Amino acid sequence: YYAEGCNTTMRPIVFVHGFLGSGDNWATQMQRFCSNGCCHQRMFVFDWNTINRSKATDSLLNDFIDDVLRKTKATQVDLIAHSAGGGLCYNYLNDSLHAMKVAHYIHIGSGKMKAAAGKNADVRTMNIYSKADMVVKTGGDIPGAVNIVLQNADHMQVATGEETFVHLYKFLNGNQSPKTTKVISPDNLSRSVGLSGKGVTLGENNPLSLDSFNVYIFDPATGKRKLIEKNKKIQDKDTVGE
């Protein structure tokens, strides 16, 4: 379903995670977009194998973007990548046919490049990096890109933080500022929350089958699990999947 009042005409966004990452790295930023009227059905995450990357990964990303375009009936996507995902996307966009499918590219917490993305540096590019990133220390201004330098964000915060979201939103929305950087639950949703997703192996992001998952209630003050009776039906607003 589409949340009431969300923008069904927005350009779809494809998020790409970094080394040993997964799609849930982007969960908070996606919720922030939703809190600003974006439809969650127009945001997608490309889960890829960061341990055994091959040239086939570019083809998989291209197939993924083609599928997004078919589902949304859009002509282009906006592409956002973090860390090792930046190298993947720069390589992907070096193909002119691939680049035609991307309206904006945002390079986050990744290495410095010689020019904006695209074979002829023709993809509108934003580059966000942090001086406090101790994982990728090769970040720097990219000629031809919109360069944003954060001062205190670590390697994950440079992708997930509120300050970064403001820059993402403005770059993709004609320099218009977001109404909020908070995660706001839609008024028309009930207090019951459904959980869905997939289990994957770390790094390879290969789907697991026939595996079980446990759900626990946790204490928000400590972050520790609460003890519950075995087989007791969980009815608590503070539940998370594991």
Protein backbone atom coordinates (compact mmCIF):
# COMPACT_ATOMS: atom_id res chain seq x y z
CA TYR A 1 0.00 0.00 0.00
CA TYR A 2 0.96 3.64 -0.38
CA ALA A 3 0.90 5.70 2.80
CA GLU A 4 -1.76 8.39 2.61
CA GLY A 5 -0.44 11.54 1.01
CA CYS A 6 2.99 10.20 0.02
CA ASN A 7 4.52 11.30 -3.27
CA THR A 8 3.85 8.53 -5.80
CA THR A 9 5.67 10.44 -8.56
CA MET A 10 9.05 10.78 -6.83
CA ARG A 11 12.03 9.36 -8.66
CA PRO A 12 12.89 5.93 -7.19
CA ILE A 13 16.01 5.72 -5.03
CA VAL A 14 18.43 2.78 -5.12
CA PHE A 15 20.71 2.43 -2.08
CA VAL A 16 23.96 0.41 -2.21
CA HIS A 17 25.74 -0.67 0.99
CA GLY A 18 29.46 -1.06 1.62
CA PHE A 19 31.83 -3.86 2.62
CA LEU A 20 30.26 -6.43 4.99
CA GLY A 21 27.10 -4.30 4.92
CA SER A 22 23.52 -5.14 4.07
CA GLY A 23 20.30 -3.42 3.15
CA ASP A 24 19.38 -2.58 6.72
CA ASN A 25 22.28 -0.10 6.83
CA TRP A 26 19.92 2.26 5.01
CA ALA A 27 16.80 1.66 7.13
CA THR A 28 16.95 4.94 9.08
CA GLN A 29 17.56 7.14 6.04
CA MET A 30 14.70 5.43 4.22
CA GLN A 31 12.41 6.12 7.19
CA ARG A 32 13.50 9.76 7.18
CA PHE A 33 12.55 10.02 3.50
CA CYS A 34 9.16 8.50 4.37
CA SER A 35 8.75 11.04 7.18
CA ASN A 36 9.08 13.73 4.50
CA GLY A 37 6.33 12.35 2.29
CA CYS A 38 8.29 9.90 0.16
CA CYS A 39 6.63 6.55 -0.60
CA HIS A 40 8.48 3.54 0.77
CA GLN A 41 7.61 1.55 -2.37
CA ARG A 42 9.88 3.87 -4.35
CA MET A 43 13.00 3.10 -2.30
CA PHE A 44 15.09 0.00 -2.96
CA VAL A 45 18.30 -1.54 -1.59
CA PHE A 46 20.76 -3.55 -3.66
CA ASP A 47 22.21 -6.34 -1.49
CA TRP A 48 25.47 -7.56 -3.01
CA ASN A 49 28.37 -9.87 -2.27
CA THR A 50 31.15 -7.66 -0.90
CA ILE A 51 33.52 -10.56 -0.18
CA ASN A 52 33.70 -12.17 -3.61
CA ARG A 53 32.95 -9.25 -5.89
CA SER A 54 33.28 -9.95 -9.60
CA LYS A 55 32.48 -8.22 -12.88
CA ALA A 56 29.12 -9.97 -12.71
CA THR A 57 28.20 -7.63 -9.84
CA ASP A 58 27.85 -4.75 -12.30
CA SER A 59 25.41 -6.84 -14.33
CA LEU A 60 23.45 -7.73 -11.21
CA LEU A 61 23.21 -4.04 -10.28
CA ASN A 62 22.09 -3.22 -13.81
CA ASP A 63 19.43 -5.95 -13.69
CA PHE A 64 18.29 -4.62 -10.31
CA ILE A 65 17.94 -1.06 -11.59
CA ASP A 66 16.10 -2.29 -14.70
CA ASP A 67 13.68 -4.14 -12.41
CA VAL A 68 13.14 -0.98 -10.32
CA LEU A 69 12.39 1.00 -13.49
CA ARG A 70 9.89 -1.63 -14.61
CA LYS A 71 8.13 -1.75 -11.25
CA THR A 72 7.90 2.01 -10.83
CA LYS A 73 7.47 2.93 -14.52
CA ALA A 74 10.15 5.59 -13.99
CA THR A 75 12.75 6.52 -16.61
CA GLN A 76 15.63 7.08 -14.16
CA VAL A 77 16.64 6.35 -10.57
CA ASP A 78 18.68 8.24 -8.01
CA LEU A 79 21.64 6.15 -6.82
CA ILE A 80 23.20 6.39 -3.34
CA ALA A 81 26.24 4.33 -2.31
CA HIS A 82 28.38 3.98 0.82
CA SER A 83 32.02 2.92 1.19
CA ALA A 84 32.86 -0.04 -1.10
CA GLY A 85 29.51 0.55 -2.78
CA GLY A 86 31.01 3.76 -4.11
CA GLY A 87 33.64 1.87 -6.09
CA LEU A 88 30.97 -0.46 -7.42
CA CYS A 89 28.74 2.42 -8.54
CA TYR A 90 31.55 4.44 -10.12
CA ASN A 91 32.49 1.40 -12.18
CA TYR A 92 28.84 0.80 -13.07
CA LEU A 93 28.32 4.41 -14.17
CA ASN A 94 31.41 4.33 -16.36
CA ASP A 95 29.19 2.58 -18.91
CA SER A 96 27.25 5.27 -20.77
CA LEU A 97 24.16 3.06 -21.15
CA HIS A 98 24.11 2.50 -17.40
CA ALA A 99 24.64 6.19 -16.67
CA MET A 100 21.56 7.11 -18.72
CA LYS A 101 19.43 5.33 -16.12
CA VAL A 102 20.73 7.47 -13.21
CA ALA A 103 19.68 11.09 -12.64
CA HIS A 104 21.76 11.72 -9.49
CA TYR A 105 24.57 9.79 -7.83
CA ILE A 106 25.63 10.30 -4.19
CA HIS A 107 29.05 8.96 -3.11
CA ILE A 108 29.26 8.56 0.69
CA GLY A 109 32.25 7.65 2.88
CA SER A 110 34.13 6.31 -0.11
CA GLY A 111 37.42 7.03 -1.85
CA LYS A 112 38.30 10.23 -3.67
CA MET A 113 37.74 10.02 -7.43
CA LYS A 114 39.29 12.01 -10.28
CA ALA A 115 35.98 13.40 -11.53
CA ALA A 116 32.22 13.23 -11.13
CA ALA A 117 30.60 9.89 -12.00
CA GLY A 118 29.99 8.83 -15.58
CA LYS A 119 32.32 8.06 -18.48
CA ASN A 120 32.42 11.76 -19.30
CA ALA A 121 31.75 12.96 -15.73
CA ASP A 122 28.19 13.64 -16.89
CA VAL A 123 26.22 12.20 -13.96
CA ARG A 124 25.23 14.78 -11.35
CA THR A 125 27.31 13.75 -8.36
CA MET A 126 27.40 14.60 -4.66
CA ASN A 127 30.36 13.45 -2.57
CA ILE A 128 30.01 13.25 1.23
CA TYR A 129 32.97 12.33 3.42
CA SER A 130 34.08 12.92 7.00
CA LYS A 131 37.37 13.96 8.55
CA ALA A 132 36.54 11.63 11.47
CA ASP A 133 36.16 8.54 9.24
CA MET A 134 38.89 6.18 10.44
CA VAL A 135 37.91 3.36 8.05
CA VAL A 136 38.07 5.10 4.69
CA LYS A 137 40.78 7.71 5.08
CA THR A 138 41.12 8.40 1.36
CA GLY A 139 38.06 10.62 1.08
CA GLY A 140 38.45 14.05 -0.43
CA ASP A 141 36.92 16.57 -2.79
CA ILE A 142 35.99 15.25 -6.23
CA PRO A 143 36.29 17.76 -9.10
CA GLY A 144 32.92 18.42 -10.70
CA ALA A 145 30.93 17.04 -7.76
CA VAL A 146 29.05 18.79 -4.98
CA ASN A 147 31.44 18.14 -2.07
CA ILE A 148 30.26 17.95 1.54
CA VAL A 149 32.82 17.58 4.33
CA LEU A 150 31.57 16.42 7.73
CA GLN A 151 33.71 16.97 10.79
CA ASN A 152 32.71 14.41 13.42
CA ALA A 153 30.86 11.53 11.71
CA ASP A 154 32.43 8.07 11.87
CA HIS A 155 32.36 5.64 8.96
CA MET A 156 28.76 4.53 9.50
CA GLN A 157 27.45 7.88 10.73
CA VAL A 158 28.56 9.52 7.50
CA ALA A 159 25.92 7.34 5.80
CA THR A 160 23.24 7.13 8.49
CA GLY A 161 23.33 10.49 10.30
CA GLU A 162 20.76 13.30 10.32
CA GLU A 163 23.24 15.80 8.88
CA THR A 164 23.85 13.52 5.91
CA PHE A 165 20.12 13.11 5.36
CA VAL A 166 19.68 16.87 4.99
CA HIS A 167 22.29 16.91 2.22
CA LEU A 168 20.77 13.84 0.51
CA TYR A 169 17.29 15.33 0.54
CA LYS A 170 18.34 18.75 -0.72
CA PHE A 171 20.46 17.32 -3.53
CA LEU A 172 17.60 15.14 -4.75
CA ASN A 173 14.91 17.80 -4.31
CA GLY A 174 16.19 20.94 -5.95
CA ASN A 175 17.92 22.28 -2.81
CA GLN A 176 14.65 22.16 -0.83
CA SER A 177 15.24 21.39 2.85
CA PRO A 178 13.41 18.45 4.48
CA LYS A 179 10.57 19.23 6.85
CA THR A 180 12.10 16.96 9.47
CA THR A 181 15.13 14.76 10.09
CA LYS A 182 13.22 12.64 12.61
CA VAL A 183 11.55 9.29 12.00
CA ILE A 184 7.80 9.85 12.29
CA SER A 185 5.25 7.04 12.20
CA PRO A 186 2.29 7.77 9.90
CA ASP A 187 -0.92 8.57 11.81
CA ASN A 188 -2.89 6.05 9.78
CA LEU A 189 -0.80 3.06 10.90
CA SER A 190 -2.02 0.92 13.78
CA ARG A 191 0.14 0.21 16.79
CA SER A 192 0.64 -3.32 15.51
CA VAL A 193 3.78 -3.62 13.43
CA GLY A 194 4.44 -6.40 10.97
CA LEU A 195 7.99 -7.61 10.44
CA SER A 196 9.19 -9.06 7.17
CA GLY A 197 12.45 -9.49 5.35
CA LYS A 198 15.10 -12.06 4.58
CA GLY A 199 17.97 -13.72 6.38
CA VAL A 200 21.35 -13.57 4.62
CA THR A 201 24.92 -14.68 5.27
CA LEU A 202 27.34 -11.99 6.41
CA GLY A 203 29.26 -10.43 3.57
CA GLU A 204 28.03 -12.63 0.74
CA ASN A 205 24.39 -11.62 1.38
CA ASN A 206 23.22 -15.00 0.15
CA PRO A 207 19.64 -15.73 1.27
CA LEU A 208 19.22 -18.40 3.94
CA SER A 209 16.46 -20.98 3.67
CA LEU A 210 14.81 -23.17 6.29
CA ASP A 211 16.38 -21.16 9.10
CA SER A 212 14.41 -19.90 12.10
CA PHE A 213 14.36 -16.43 13.63
CA ASN A 214 13.59 -15.40 17.20
CA VAL A 215 11.84 -12.22 18.27
CA TYR A 216 12.63 -10.68 21.65
CA ILE A 217 11.23 -7.89 23.78
CA PHE A 218 14.01 -5.59 24.91
CA ASP A 219 14.43 -3.06 27.71
CA PRO A 220 14.86 0.36 26.04
CA ALA A 221 16.78 1.63 29.08
CA THR A 222 19.51 -1.01 28.83
CA GLY A 223 19.14 -2.54 25.39
CA LYS A 224 19.07 -5.99 26.99
CA ARG A 225 16.50 -8.66 26.25
CA LYS A 226 13.63 -9.17 28.65
CA LEU A 227 12.99 -12.70 29.83
CA ILE A 228 9.69 -14.09 28.57
CA GLU A 229 7.95 -17.39 28.98
CA LYS A 230 8.61 -19.93 26.25
CA ASN A 231 5.98 -19.89 23.49
CA LYS A 232 4.29 -16.84 25.03
CA LYS A 233 2.69 -14.68 22.37
CA ILE A 234 4.54 -11.39 22.12
CA GLN A 235 2.35 -8.31 22.23
CA ASP A 236 4.62 -5.39 22.91
CA LYS A 237 5.34 -2.25 20.93
CA ASP A 238 9.06 -2.53 21.71
CA THR A 239 9.89 -5.71 19.81
CA VAL A 240 12.66 -6.25 17.37
CA GLY A 241 13.55 -9.10 15.06
CA GLU A 242 16.81 -10.93 15.33
